[in-house]
PDB file of N, CA and C in Angstrom:
ATOM      1  N   GLY A   1     128.369 115.340 121.798  1.00  0.00           N
ATOM      2  CA  GLY A   1     128.396 114.068 122.516  1.00  0.00           C
ATOM      3  C   GLY A   1     129.500 114.037 123.557  1.00  0.00           C
ATOM      4  N   GLU A   2     129.246 113.323 124.605  1.00  0.00           N
ATOM      5  CA  GLU A   2     130.220 113.173 125.694  1.00  0.00           C
ATOM      6  C   GLU A   2     131.283 112.163 125.273  1.00  0.00           C
ATOM      7  N   VAL A   3     132.547 112.517 125.424  1.00  0.00           N
ATOM      8  CA  VAL A   3     133.632 111.597 125.081  1.00  0.00           C
ATOM      9  C   VAL A   3     133.764 110.567 126.194  1.00  0.00           C
ATOM     10  N   ASP A   4     133.896 109.286 125.812  1.00  0.00           N
ATOM     11  CA  ASP A   4     134.022 108.210 126.792  1.00  0.00           C
ATOM     12  C   ASP A   4     135.497 107.995 127.126  1.00  0.00           C
ATOM     13  N   TYR A   5     136.012 108.829 128.022  1.00  0.00           N
ATOM     14  CA  TYR A   5     137.427 108.718 128.383  1.00  0.00           C
ATOM     15  C   TYR A   5     137.712 107.398 129.093  1.00  0.00           C
ATOM     16  N   GLY A   6     136.693 106.793 129.675  1.00  0.00           N
ATOM     17  CA  GLY A   6     136.877 105.520 130.371  1.00  0.00           C
ATOM     18  C   GLY A   6     137.324 104.404 129.445  1.00  0.00           C
ATOM     19  N   SER A   7     137.064 104.552 128.145  1.00  0.00           N
ATOM     20  CA  SER A   7     137.466 103.512 127.190  1.00  0.00           C
ATOM     21  C   SER A   7     138.887 103.730 126.682  1.00  0.00           C
ATOM     22  N   TRP A   8     139.509 104.843 127.074  1.00  0.00           N
ATOM     23  CA  TRP A   8     140.863 105.151 126.610  1.00  0.00           C
ATOM     24  C   TRP A   8     141.900 104.364 127.391  1.00  0.00           C
ATOM     25  N   PRO A   9     143.046 104.055 126.750  1.00  0.00           N
ATOM     26  CA  PRO A   9     144.140 103.416 127.496  1.00  0.00           C
ATOM     27  C   PRO A   9     144.670 104.372 128.569  1.00  0.00           C
ATOM     28  N   VAL A  10     145.127 103.808 129.686  1.00  0.00           N
ATOM     29  CA  VAL A  10     145.661 104.611 130.786  1.00  0.00           C
ATOM     30  C   VAL A  10     146.803 105.503 130.307  1.00  0.00           C
ATOM     31  N   LYS A  11     147.673 104.943 129.446  1.00  0.00           N
ATOM     32  CA  LYS A  11     148.802 105.728 128.915  1.00  0.00           C
ATOM     33  C   LYS A  11     148.306 106.990 128.226  1.00  0.00           C
ATOM     34  N   GLU A  12     147.216 106.848 127.484  1.00  0.00           N
ATOM     35  CA  GLU A  12     146.674 107.966 126.719  1.00  0.00           C
ATOM     36  C   GLU A  12     146.127 109.034 127.671  1.00  0.00           C
ATOM     37  N   LEU A  13     145.437 108.608 128.720  1.00  0.00           N
ATOM     38  CA  LEU A  13     144.904 109.540 129.715  1.00  0.00           C
ATOM     39  C   LEU A  13     146.046 110.307 130.388  1.00  0.00           C
ATOM     40  N   LYS A  14     147.119 109.583 130.728  1.00  0.00           N
ATOM     41  CA  LYS A  14     148.267 110.226 131.373  1.00  0.00           C
ATOM     42  C   LYS A  14     148.923 111.222 130.426  1.00  0.00           C
ATOM     43  N   ARG A  15     148.986 110.870 129.130  1.00  0.00           N
ATOM     44  CA  ARG A  15     149.604 111.769 128.161  1.00  0.00           C
ATOM     45  C   ARG A  15     148.816 113.070 128.062  1.00  0.00           C
ATOM     46  N   VAL A  16     147.486 112.958 128.077  1.00  0.00           N
ATOM     47  CA  VAL A  16     146.637 114.151 128.011  1.00  0.00           C
ATOM     48  C   VAL A  16     146.968 115.087 129.176  1.00  0.00           C
ATOM     49  N   LEU A  17     147.088 114.513 130.364  1.00  0.00           N
ATOM     50  CA  LEU A  17     147.399 115.329 131.541  1.00  0.00           C
ATOM     51  C   LEU A  17     148.793 115.940 131.436  1.00  0.00           C
ATOM     52  N   GLN A  18     149.774 115.133 131.010  1.00  0.00           N
ATOM     53  CA  GLN A  18     151.150 115.642 130.903  1.00  0.00           C
ATOM     54  C   GLN A  18     151.230 116.786 129.907  1.00  0.00           C
ATOM     55  N   GLU A  19     150.484 116.671 128.787  1.00  0.00           N
ATOM     56  CA  GLU A  19     150.495 117.731 127.774  1.00  0.00           C
ATOM     57  C   GLU A  19     149.963 119.038 128.346  1.00  0.00           C
ATOM     58  N   ARG A  20     149.154 118.933 129.394  1.00  0.00           N
ATOM     59  CA  ARG A  20     148.555 120.124 129.986  1.00  0.00           C
ATOM     60  C   ARG A  20     149.216 120.507 131.297  1.00  0.00           C
ATOM     61  N   GLY A  21     150.404 119.959 131.536  1.00  0.00           N
ATOM     62  CA  GLY A  21     151.187 120.360 132.697  1.00  0.00           C
ATOM     63  C   GLY A  21     150.718 119.764 134.013  1.00  0.00           C
ATOM     64  N   VAL A  22     149.918 118.687 133.949  1.00  0.00           N
ATOM     65  CA  VAL A  22     149.455 118.022 135.166  1.00  0.00           C
ATOM     66  C   VAL A  22     150.260 116.734 135.341  1.00  0.00           C
ATOM     67  N   ASP A  23     150.827 116.531 136.525  1.00  0.00           N
ATOM     68  CA  ASP A  23     151.611 115.319 136.782  1.00  0.00           C
ATOM     69  C   ASP A  23     150.668 114.151 137.071  1.00  0.00           C
ATOM     70  N   PRO A  24     150.632 113.140 136.189  1.00  0.00           N
ATOM     71  CA  PRO A  24     149.688 112.042 136.375  1.00  0.00           C
ATOM     72  C   PRO A  24     150.181 110.940 137.308  1.00  0.00           C
ATOM     73  N   SER A  25     151.418 111.057 137.812  1.00  0.00           N
ATOM     74  CA  SER A  25     152.006 109.938 138.559  1.00  0.00           C
ATOM     75  C   SER A  25     151.304 109.674 139.885  1.00  0.00           C
ATOM     76  N   GLY A  26     150.563 110.656 140.407  1.00  0.00           N
ATOM     77  CA  GLY A  26     149.880 110.457 141.681  1.00  0.00           C
ATOM     78  C   GLY A  26     148.570 109.679 141.567  1.00  0.00           C
ATOM     79  N   PHE A  27     148.132 109.414 140.336  1.00  0.00           N
ATOM     80  CA  PHE A  27     146.859 108.723 140.153  1.00  0.00           C
ATOM     81  C   PHE A  27     147.092 107.228 139.997  1.00  0.00           C
ATOM     82  N   VAL A  28     146.423 106.447 140.856  1.00  0.00           N
ATOM     83  CA  VAL A  28     146.573 104.994 140.802  1.00  0.00           C
ATOM     84  C   VAL A  28     145.379 104.380 140.076  1.00  0.00           C
ATOM     85  N   GLU A  29     144.190 104.832 140.426  1.00  0.00           N
ATOM     86  CA  GLU A  29     142.973 104.285 139.837  1.00  0.00           C
ATOM     87  C   GLU A  29     142.679 104.938 138.491  1.00  0.00           C
ATOM     88  N   LYS A  30     142.287 104.117 137.511  1.00  0.00           N
ATOM     89  CA  LYS A  30     141.953 104.657 136.194  1.00  0.00           C
ATOM     90  C   LYS A  30     140.794 105.648 136.305  1.00  0.00           C
ATOM     91  N   GLY A  31     139.845 105.359 137.190  1.00  0.00           N
ATOM     92  CA  GLY A  31     138.697 106.248 137.387  1.00  0.00           C
ATOM     93  C   GLY A  31     139.116 107.651 137.811  1.00  0.00           C
ATOM     94  N   ASP A  32     140.156 107.729 138.642  1.00  0.00           N
ATOM     95  CA  ASP A  32     140.659 109.030 139.083  1.00  0.00           C
ATOM     96  C   ASP A  32     141.306 109.785 137.917  1.00  0.00           C
ATOM     97  N   LEU A  33     142.033 109.019 137.089  1.00  0.00           N
ATOM     98  CA  LEU A  33     142.637 109.623 135.892  1.00  0.00           C
ATOM     99  C   LEU A  33     141.564 110.184 134.973  1.00  0.00           C
ATOM    100  N   VAL A  34     140.532 109.382 134.740  1.00  0.00           N
ATOM    101  CA  VAL A  34     139.432 109.800 133.860  1.00  0.00           C
ATOM    102  C   VAL A  34     138.795 111.080 134.396  1.00  0.00           C
ATOM    103  N   ALA A  35     138.548 111.117 135.714  1.00  0.00           N
ATOM    104  CA  ALA A  35     137.923 112.291 136.334  1.00  0.00           C
ATOM    105  C   ALA A  35     138.810 113.524 136.166  1.00  0.00           C
ATOM    106  N   LYS A  36     140.119 113.337 136.354  1.00  0.00           N
ATOM    107  CA  LYS A  36     141.046 114.471 136.241  1.00  0.00           C
ATOM    108  C   LYS A  36     141.120 114.965 134.790  1.00  0.00           C
ATOM    109  N   VAL A  37     141.140 114.034 133.836  1.00  0.00           N
ATOM    110  CA  VAL A  37     141.164 114.417 132.416  1.00  0.00           C
ATOM    111  C   VAL A  37     139.918 115.241 132.090  1.00  0.00           C
ATOM    112  N   ARG A  38     138.748 114.761 132.570  1.00  0.00           N
ATOM    113  CA  ARG A  38     137.493 115.497 132.330  1.00  0.00           C
ATOM    114  C   ARG A  38     137.578 116.909 132.910  1.00  0.00           C
ATOM    115  N   GLU A  39     138.101 116.983 134.133  1.00  0.00           N
ATOM    116  CA  GLU A  39     138.208 118.273 134.826  1.00  0.00           C
ATOM    117  C   GLU A  39     139.140 119.223 134.064  1.00  0.00           C
ATOM    118  N   VAL A  40     140.309 118.708 133.672  1.00  0.00           N
ATOM    119  CA  VAL A  40     141.298 119.527 132.973  1.00  0.00           C
ATOM    120  C   VAL A  40     140.757 119.992 131.625  1.00  0.00           C
ATOM    121  N   LEU A  41     140.125 119.059 130.889  1.00  0.00           N
ATOM    122  CA  LEU A  41     139.619 119.414 129.564  1.00  0.00           C
ATOM    123  C   LEU A  41     138.392 120.318 129.658  1.00  0.00           C
ATOM    124  N   ALA A  42     137.605 120.164 130.708  1.00  0.00           N
ATOM    125  CA  ALA A  42     136.449 121.050 130.888  1.00  0.00           C
ATOM    126  C   ALA A  42     136.937 122.466 131.154  1.00  0.00           C
ATOM    127  N   GLY A  43     138.015 122.582 131.928  1.00  0.00           N
ATOM    128  CA  GLY A  43     138.580 123.889 132.215  1.00  0.00           C
ATOM    129  C   GLY A  43     139.155 124.539 130.972  1.00  0.00           C
ATOM    130  N   ALA A  44     139.750 123.718 130.091  1.00  0.00           N
ATOM    131  CA  ALA A  44     140.368 124.240 128.872  1.00  0.00           C
ATOM    132  C   ALA A  44     139.361 124.316 127.732  1.00  0.00           C
ATOM    133  N   GLY A  45     138.287 123.558 127.858  1.00  0.00           N
ATOM    134  CA  GLY A  45     137.345 123.415 126.755  1.00  0.00           C
ATOM    135  C   GLY A  45     136.695 124.704 126.322  1.00  0.00           C
ATOM    136  N   GLY A  46     136.516 125.635 127.251  1.00  0.00           N
ATOM    137  CA  GLY A  46     135.851 126.881 126.907  1.00  0.00           C
ATOM    138  C   GLY A  46     136.629 127.713 125.910  1.00  0.00           C
ATOM    139  N   THR A  47     137.939 127.475 125.817  1.00  0.00           N
ATOM    140  CA  THR A  47     138.770 128.310 124.961  1.00  0.00           C
ATOM    141  C   THR A  47     138.685 127.913 123.496  1.00  0.00           C
ATOM    142  N   THR A  48     138.369 126.653 123.206  1.00  0.00           N
ATOM    143  CA  THR A  48     138.392 126.213 121.808  1.00  0.00           C
ATOM    144  C   THR A  48     137.167 126.683 121.047  1.00  0.00           C
ATOM    145  N   ALA A  49     136.114 127.081 121.751  1.00  0.00           N
ATOM    146  CA  ALA A  49     134.891 127.482 121.067  1.00  0.00           C
ATOM    147  C   ALA A  49     134.987 128.891 120.503  1.00  0.00           C
ATOM    148  N   GLY A  50     136.001 129.641 120.921  1.00  0.00           N
ATOM    149  CA  GLY A  50     136.140 131.028 120.481  1.00  0.00           C
ATOM    150  C   GLY A  50     136.506 131.138 119.018  1.00  0.00           C
ATOM    151  N   GLY A  51     136.755 132.351 118.559  1.00  0.00           N
ATOM    152  CA  GLY A  51     137.139 132.569 117.171  1.00  0.00           C
ATOM    153  C   GLY A  51     138.478 131.936 116.883  1.00  0.00           C
ATOM    154  N   SER A  52     138.734 131.600 115.626  1.00  0.00           N
ATOM    155  CA  SER A  52     139.993 130.942 115.298  1.00  0.00           C
ATOM    156  C   SER A  52     141.012 131.949 114.790  1.00  0.00           C
ATOM    157  N   SER A  53     141.000 133.160 115.368  1.00  0.00           N
ATOM    158  CA  SER A  53     141.937 134.188 114.931  1.00  0.00           C
ATOM    159  C   SER A  53     143.367 133.837 115.329  1.00  0.00           C
ATOM    160  N   GLY A  54     143.521 132.925 116.282  1.00  0.00           N
ATOM    161  CA  GLY A  54     144.856 132.566 116.747  1.00  0.00           C
ATOM    162  C   GLY A  54     145.546 131.560 115.859  1.00  0.00           C
ATOM    163  N   GLY A  55     144.988 131.240 114.705  1.00  0.00           N
ATOM    164  CA  GLY A  55     145.628 130.288 113.805  1.00  0.00           C
ATOM    165  C   GLY A  55     145.515 128.873 114.328  1.00  0.00           C
ATOM    166  N   ALA A  56     146.564 128.096 114.155  1.00  0.00           N
ATOM    167  CA  ALA A  56     146.520 126.675 114.500  1.00  0.00           C
ATOM    168  C   ALA A  56     146.264 126.471 115.986  1.00  0.00           C
ATOM    169  N   ALA A  57     146.770 127.371 116.832  1.00  0.00           N
ATOM    170  CA  ALA A  57     146.618 127.199 118.271  1.00  0.00           C
ATOM    171  C   ALA A  57     145.152 127.255 118.679  1.00  0.00           C
ATOM    172  N   ALA A  58     144.334 127.931 117.891  1.00  0.00           N
ATOM    173  CA  ALA A  58     142.916 128.035 118.223  1.00  0.00           C
ATOM    174  C   ALA A  58     142.151 126.801 117.760  1.00  0.00           C
ATOM    175  N   ASP A  59     142.855 125.843 117.129  1.00  0.00           N
ATOM    176  CA  ASP A  59     142.257 124.596 116.687  1.00  0.00           C
ATOM    177  C   ASP A  59     141.210 124.832 115.604  1.00  0.00           C
ATOM    178  N   GLY A  60     141.633 124.766 114.376  1.00  0.00           N
ATOM    179  CA  GLY A  60     140.775 125.061 113.232  1.00  0.00           C
ATOM    180  C   GLY A  60     139.508 124.230 113.195  1.00  0.00           C
ATOM    181  N   ALA A  61     139.557 123.024 113.775  1.00  0.00           N
ATOM    182  CA  ALA A  61     138.375 122.160 113.746  1.00  0.00           C
ATOM    183  C   ALA A  61     137.317 122.693 114.708  1.00  0.00           C
ATOM    184  N   GLY A  62     137.754 123.320 115.801  1.00  0.00           N
ATOM    185  CA  GLY A  62     136.814 123.960 116.714  1.00  0.00           C
ATOM    186  C   GLY A  62     136.204 123.035 117.731  1.00  0.00           C
ATOM    187  N   ASP A  63     136.160 121.722 117.439  1.00  0.00           N
ATOM    188  CA  ASP A  63     135.470 120.831 118.375  1.00  0.00           C
ATOM    189  C   ASP A  63     136.418 119.810 118.994  1.00  0.00           C
ATOM    190  N   GLY A  64     137.711 119.982 118.807  1.00  0.00           N
ATOM    191  CA  GLY A  64     138.654 119.008 119.333  1.00  0.00           C
ATOM    192  C   GLY A  64     138.968 119.233 120.794  1.00  0.00           C
ATOM    193  N   ALA A  65     139.280 118.137 121.496  1.00  0.00           N
ATOM    194  CA  ALA A  65     139.654 118.230 122.898  1.00  0.00           C
ATOM    195  C   ALA A  65     141.162 118.442 123.023  1.00  0.00           C
ATOM    196  N   PHE A  66     141.891 118.196 121.936  1.00  0.00           N
ATOM    197  CA  PHE A  66     143.346 118.275 121.977  1.00  0.00           C
ATOM    198  C   PHE A  66     143.841 119.449 121.151  1.00  0.00           C
ATOM    199  N   MET A  67     144.999 119.959 121.513  1.00  0.00           N
ATOM    200  CA  MET A  67     145.646 121.002 120.730  1.00  0.00           C
ATOM    201  C   MET A  67     146.615 120.321 119.759  1.00  0.00           C
ATOM    202  N   ALA A  68     146.659 120.808 118.539  1.00  0.00           N
ATOM    203  CA  ALA A  68     147.594 120.235 117.581  1.00  0.00           C
ATOM    204  C   ALA A  68     149.022 120.555 118.014  1.00  0.00           C
ATOM    205  N   PRO A  69     149.932 119.603 117.826  1.00  0.00           N
ATOM    206  CA  PRO A  69     151.331 119.841 118.206  1.00  0.00           C
ATOM    207  C   PRO A  69     151.956 120.919 117.322  1.00  0.00           C
ATOM    208  N   PRO A  70     153.050 121.528 117.785  1.00  0.00           N
ATOM    209  CA  PRO A  70     153.741 122.534 116.967  1.00  0.00           C
ATOM    210  C   PRO A  70     154.153 121.934 115.628  1.00  0.00           C
ATOM    211  N   GLY A  71     154.010 122.690 114.552  1.00  0.00           N
ATOM    212  CA  GLY A  71     154.418 122.203 113.241  1.00  0.00           C
ATOM    213  C   GLY A  71     153.288 121.535 112.476  1.00  0.00           C
ATOM    214  N   TYR A  72     152.165 121.288 113.141  1.00  0.00           N
ATOM    215  CA  TYR A  72     151.009 120.699 112.462  1.00  0.00           C
ATOM    216  C   TYR A  72     150.065 121.809 112.023  1.00  0.00           C
ATOM    217  N   VAL A  73     149.630 121.744 110.779  1.00  0.00           N
ATOM    218  CA  VAL A  73     148.789 122.789 110.198  1.00  0.00           C
ATOM    219  C   VAL A  73     147.446 122.178 109.816  1.00  0.00           C
ATOM    220  N   PHE A  74     146.364 122.899 110.076  1.00  0.00           N
ATOM    221  CA  PHE A  74     145.036 122.355 109.786  1.00  0.00           C
ATOM    222  C   PHE A  74     144.868 122.129 108.288  1.00  0.00           C
ATOM    223  N   ASP A  75     144.398 120.933 107.941  1.00  0.00           N
ATOM    224  CA  ASP A  75     144.164 120.564 106.548  1.00  0.00           C
ATOM    225  C   ASP A  75     142.659 120.393 106.350  1.00  0.00           C
ATOM    226  N   PRO A  76     141.994 121.400 105.751  1.00  0.00           N
ATOM    227  CA  PRO A  76     140.529 121.358 105.627  1.00  0.00           C
ATOM    228  C   PRO A  76     140.022 120.158 104.839  1.00  0.00           C
ATOM    229  N   SER A  77     140.820 119.641 103.894  1.00  0.00           N
ATOM    230  CA  SER A  77     140.343 118.536 103.061  1.00  0.00           C
ATOM    231  C   SER A  77     140.200 117.249 103.868  1.00  0.00           C
ATOM    232  N   SER A  78     141.031 117.069 104.900  1.00  0.00           N
ATOM    233  CA  SER A  78     140.961 115.845 105.701  1.00  0.00           C
ATOM    234  C   SER A  78     140.245 116.079 107.030  1.00  0.00           C
ATOM    235  N   GLY A  79     140.225 117.340 107.472  1.00  0.00           N
ATOM    236  CA  GLY A  79     139.661 117.622 108.786  1.00  0.00           C
ATOM    237  C   GLY A  79     140.661 117.414 109.913  1.00  0.00           C
ATOM    238  N   TYR A  80     141.878 117.013 109.567  1.00  0.00           N
ATOM    239  CA  TYR A  80     142.922 116.799 110.562  1.00  0.00           C
ATOM    240  C   TYR A  80     144.004 117.867 110.415  1.00  0.00           C
ATOM    241  N   PHE A  81     144.906 117.878 111.381  1.00  0.00           N
ATOM    242  CA  PHE A  81     146.102 118.709 111.262  1.00  0.00           C
ATOM    243  C   PHE A  81     147.180 117.834 110.631  1.00  0.00           C
ATOM    244  N   TYR A  82     148.054 118.432 109.810  1.00  0.00           N
ATOM    245  CA  TYR A  82     149.049 117.648 109.090  1.00  0.00           C
ATOM    246  C   TYR A  82     150.436 118.248 109.251  1.00  0.00           C
ATOM    247  N   SER A  83     151.416 117.387 109.435  1.00  0.00           N
ATOM    248  CA  SER A  83     152.812 117.814 109.457  1.00  0.00           C
ATOM    249  C   SER A  83     153.528 117.158 108.295  1.00  0.00           C
ATOM    250  N   GLU A  84     153.976 117.985 107.353  1.00  0.00           N
ATOM    251  CA  GLU A  84     154.698 117.446 106.208  1.00  0.00           C
ATOM    252  C   GLU A  84     155.999 116.804 106.656  1.00  0.00           C
ATOM    253  N   GLU A  85     156.639 117.436 107.643  1.00  0.00           N
ATOM    254  CA  GLU A  85     157.924 116.947 108.144  1.00  0.00           C
ATOM    255  C   GLU A  85     157.770 115.540 108.735  1.00  0.00           C
ATOM    256  N   ALA A  86     156.708 115.343 109.531  1.00  0.00           N
ATOM    257  CA  ALA A  86     156.499 114.047 110.182  1.00  0.00           C
ATOM    258  C   ALA A  86     155.773 113.068 109.264  1.00  0.00           C
ATOM    259  N   GLY A  87     155.063 113.587 108.252  1.00  0.00           N
ATOM    260  CA  GLY A  87     154.256 112.714 107.404  1.00  0.00           C
ATOM    261  C   GLY A  87     153.077 112.134 108.170  1.00  0.00           C
ATOM    262  N   MET A  88     152.604 112.896 109.183  1.00  0.00           N
ATOM    263  CA  MET A  88     151.537 112.414 110.050  1.00  0.00           C
ATOM    264  C   MET A  88     150.381 113.403 110.088  1.00  0.00           C
ATOM    265  N   TYR A  89     149.189 112.838 110.179  1.00  0.00           N
ATOM    266  CA  TYR A  89     148.000 113.634 110.479  1.00  0.00           C
ATOM    267  C   TYR A  89     147.769 113.551 111.981  1.00  0.00           C
ATOM    268  N   TYR A  90     147.164 114.607 112.552  1.00  0.00           N
ATOM    269  CA  TYR A  90     146.859 114.624 113.983  1.00  0.00           C
ATOM    270  C   TYR A  90     145.372 114.901 114.159  1.00  0.00           C
ATOM    271  N   ASP A  91     144.711 114.056 114.951  1.00  0.00           N
ATOM    272  CA  ASP A  91     143.273 114.201 115.183  1.00  0.00           C
ATOM    273  C   ASP A  91     143.046 114.880 116.526  1.00  0.00           C
ATOM    274  N   THR A  92     142.501 116.099 116.514  1.00  0.00           N
ATOM    275  CA  THR A  92     142.302 116.833 117.765  1.00  0.00           C
ATOM    276  C   THR A  92     141.169 116.247 118.601  1.00  0.00           C
ATOM    277  N   LYS A  93     140.363 115.362 118.033  1.00  0.00           N
ATOM    278  CA  LYS A  93     139.280 114.754 118.818  1.00  0.00           C
ATOM    279  C   LYS A  93     139.797 113.625 119.705  1.00  0.00           C
ATOM    280  N   THR A  94     140.779 112.851 119.205  1.00  0.00           N
ATOM    281  CA  THR A  94     141.271 111.696 119.955  1.00  0.00           C
ATOM    282  C   THR A  94     142.703 111.866 120.445  1.00  0.00           C
ATOM    283  N   GLY A  95     143.447 112.813 119.850  1.00  0.00           N
ATOM    284  CA  GLY A  95     144.857 112.942 120.197  1.00  0.00           C
ATOM    285  C   GLY A  95     145.709 111.920 119.469  1.00  0.00           C
ATOM    286  N   GLY A  96     145.117 111.228 118.481  1.00  0.00           N
ATOM    287  CA  GLY A  96     145.847 110.208 117.742  1.00  0.00           C
ATOM    288  C   GLY A  96     146.552 110.776 116.523  1.00  0.00           C
ATOM    289  N   TYR A  97     147.584 110.064 116.108  1.00  0.00           N
ATOM    290  CA  TYR A  97     148.346 110.438 114.913  1.00  0.00           C
ATOM    291  C   TYR A  97     148.122 109.372 113.852  1.00  0.00           C
ATOM    292  N   CYS A  98     147.910 109.802 112.617  1.00  0.00           N
ATOM    293  CA  CYS A  98     147.737 108.857 111.513  1.00  0.00           C
ATOM    294  C   CYS A  98     148.890 109.043 110.540  1.00  0.00           C
ATOM    295  N   GLN A  99     149.600 107.949 110.270  1.00  0.00           N
ATOM    296  CA  GLN A  99     150.712 108.003 109.328  1.00  0.00           C
ATOM    297  C   GLN A  99     150.142 108.065 107.916  1.00  0.00           C
ATOM    298  N   ALA A 100     150.459 109.144 107.200  1.00  0.00           N
ATOM    299  CA  ALA A 100     149.873 109.369 105.882  1.00  0.00           C
ATOM    300  C   ALA A 100     150.193 108.221 104.916  1.00  0.00           C
ATOM    301  N   ALA A 101     151.398 107.705 104.970  1.00  0.00           N
ATOM    302  CA  ALA A 101     151.838 106.693 104.010  1.00  0.00           C
ATOM    303  C   ALA A 101     151.124 105.358 104.190  1.00  0.00           C
ATOM    304  N   THR A 102     150.829 104.993 105.459  1.00  0.00           N
ATOM    305  CA  THR A 102     150.286 103.657 105.726  1.00  0.00           C
ATOM    306  C   THR A 102     148.830 103.686 106.173  1.00  0.00           C
ATOM    307  N   GLY A 103     148.363 104.854 106.650  1.00  0.00           N
ATOM    308  CA  GLY A 103     147.006 104.920 107.194  1.00  0.00           C
ATOM    309  C   GLY A 103     146.895 104.316 108.580  1.00  0.00           C
ATOM    310  N   LYS A 104     148.034 103.933 109.163  1.00  0.00           N
ATOM    311  CA  LYS A 104     148.020 103.365 110.522  1.00  0.00           C
ATOM    312  C   LYS A 104     147.952 104.484 111.543  1.00  0.00           C
ATOM    313  N   TRP A 105     147.254 104.206 112.665  1.00  0.00           N
ATOM    314  CA  TRP A 105     147.112 105.192 113.746  1.00  0.00           C
ATOM    315  C   TRP A 105     148.096 104.905 114.855  1.00  0.00           C
ATOM    316  N   PHE A 106     148.607 105.982 115.441  1.00  0.00           N
ATOM    317  CA  PHE A 106     149.566 105.890 116.536  1.00  0.00           C
ATOM    318  C   PHE A 106     149.175 106.871 117.634  1.00  0.00           C
ATOM    319  N   TYR A 107     149.667 106.608 118.839  1.00  0.00           N
ATOM    320  CA  TYR A 107     149.586 107.631 119.878  1.00  0.00           C
ATOM    321  C   TYR A 107     151.002 107.843 120.388  1.00  0.00           C
ATOM    322  N   LEU A 108     151.235 109.012 120.946  1.00  0.00           N
ATOM    323  CA  LEU A 108     152.563 109.343 121.446  1.00  0.00           C
ATOM    324  C   LEU A 108     152.661 108.865 122.886  1.00  0.00           C
ATOM    325  N   ASP A 109     153.593 107.972 123.144  1.00  0.00           N
ATOM    326  CA  ASP A 109     153.786 107.464 124.494  1.00  0.00           C
ATOM    327  C   ASP A 109     154.581 108.484 125.297  1.00  0.00           C
ATOM    328  N   ALA A 110     153.946 109.051 126.302  1.00  0.00           N
ATOM    329  CA  ALA A 110     154.579 110.130 127.074  1.00  0.00           C
ATOM    330  C   ALA A 110     155.842 109.657 127.780  1.00  0.00           C
ATOM    331  N   GLY A 111     155.846 108.402 128.207  1.00  0.00           N
ATOM    332  CA  GLY A 111     157.003 107.890 128.939  1.00  0.00           C
ATOM    333  C   GLY A 111     158.253 107.825 128.085  1.00  0.00           C
ATOM    334  N   SER A 112     158.117 107.292 126.871  1.00  0.00           N
ATOM    335  CA  SER A 112     159.287 107.097 126.011  1.00  0.00           C
ATOM    336  C   SER A 112     159.437 108.202 124.977  1.00  0.00           C
ATOM    337  N   GLY A 113     158.338 108.957 124.743  1.00  0.00           N
ATOM    338  CA  GLY A 113     158.374 109.998 123.725  1.00  0.00           C
ATOM    339  C   GLY A 113     158.321 109.444 122.310  1.00  0.00           C
ATOM    340  N   SER A 114     157.995 108.154 122.185  1.00  0.00           N
ATOM    341  CA  SER A 114     157.954 107.559 120.845  1.00  0.00           C
ATOM    342  C   SER A 114     156.524 107.165 120.486  1.00  0.00           C
ATOM    343  N   PHE A 115     156.293 106.984 119.187  1.00  0.00           N
ATOM    344  CA  PHE A 115     154.971 106.619 118.705  1.00  0.00           C
ATOM    345  C   PHE A 115     154.721 105.127 118.909  1.00  0.00           C
ATOM    346  N   VAL A 116     153.512 104.808 119.342  1.00  0.00           N
ATOM    347  CA  VAL A 116     153.113 103.427 119.545  1.00  0.00           C
ATOM    348  C   VAL A 116     151.867 103.197 118.700  1.00  0.00           C
ATOM    349  N   GLU A 117     151.841 102.064 117.975  1.00  0.00           N
ATOM    350  CA  GLU A 117     150.679 101.820 117.129  1.00  0.00           C
ATOM    351  C   GLU A 117     149.438 101.674 117.997  1.00  0.00           C
ATOM    352  N   TRP A 118     148.374 102.333 117.559  1.00  0.00           N
ATOM    353  CA  TRP A 118     147.117 102.365 118.304  1.00  0.00           C
ATOM    354  C   TRP A 118     146.204 101.285 117.733  1.00  0.00           C
ATOM    355  N   LYS A 119     146.137 100.167 118.435  1.00  0.00           N
ATOM    356  CA  LYS A 119     145.292  99.047 117.979  1.00  0.00           C
ATOM    357  C   LYS A 119     143.866  99.315 118.427  1.00  0.00           C
ATOM    358  N   GLN A 120     142.974  99.623 117.469  1.00  0.00           N
ATOM    359  CA  GLN A 120     141.622 100.011 117.856  1.00  0.00           C
ATOM    360  C   GLN A 120     140.661  98.849 117.954  1.00  0.00           C
TER     361      GLN A 120
END
């Protein structure tokens, strides 16, 4: 299925680009951000379908648009990547973080570098 990036918050779209080394500050229109995210992920998307011999970097789930952050290890029982140190699960499909203790979802705000609760 096609991911509806248009429904994502602008902050989240910018974070996706920043994680991939693209400076999002030149984009004013959300539509332009969405187009750039699609372009960047389409360019990177071909790599995730390969074999998972690269360990966590190859994305154990295989169908995620996001790469798990360093220190997160794929947890087959949940389908997410998990960091014991952070106590967070990471979803490679949405780029969201789930706090194991509370079940609340967060996204990483690229501007401040801090977690912000993701109100769905």
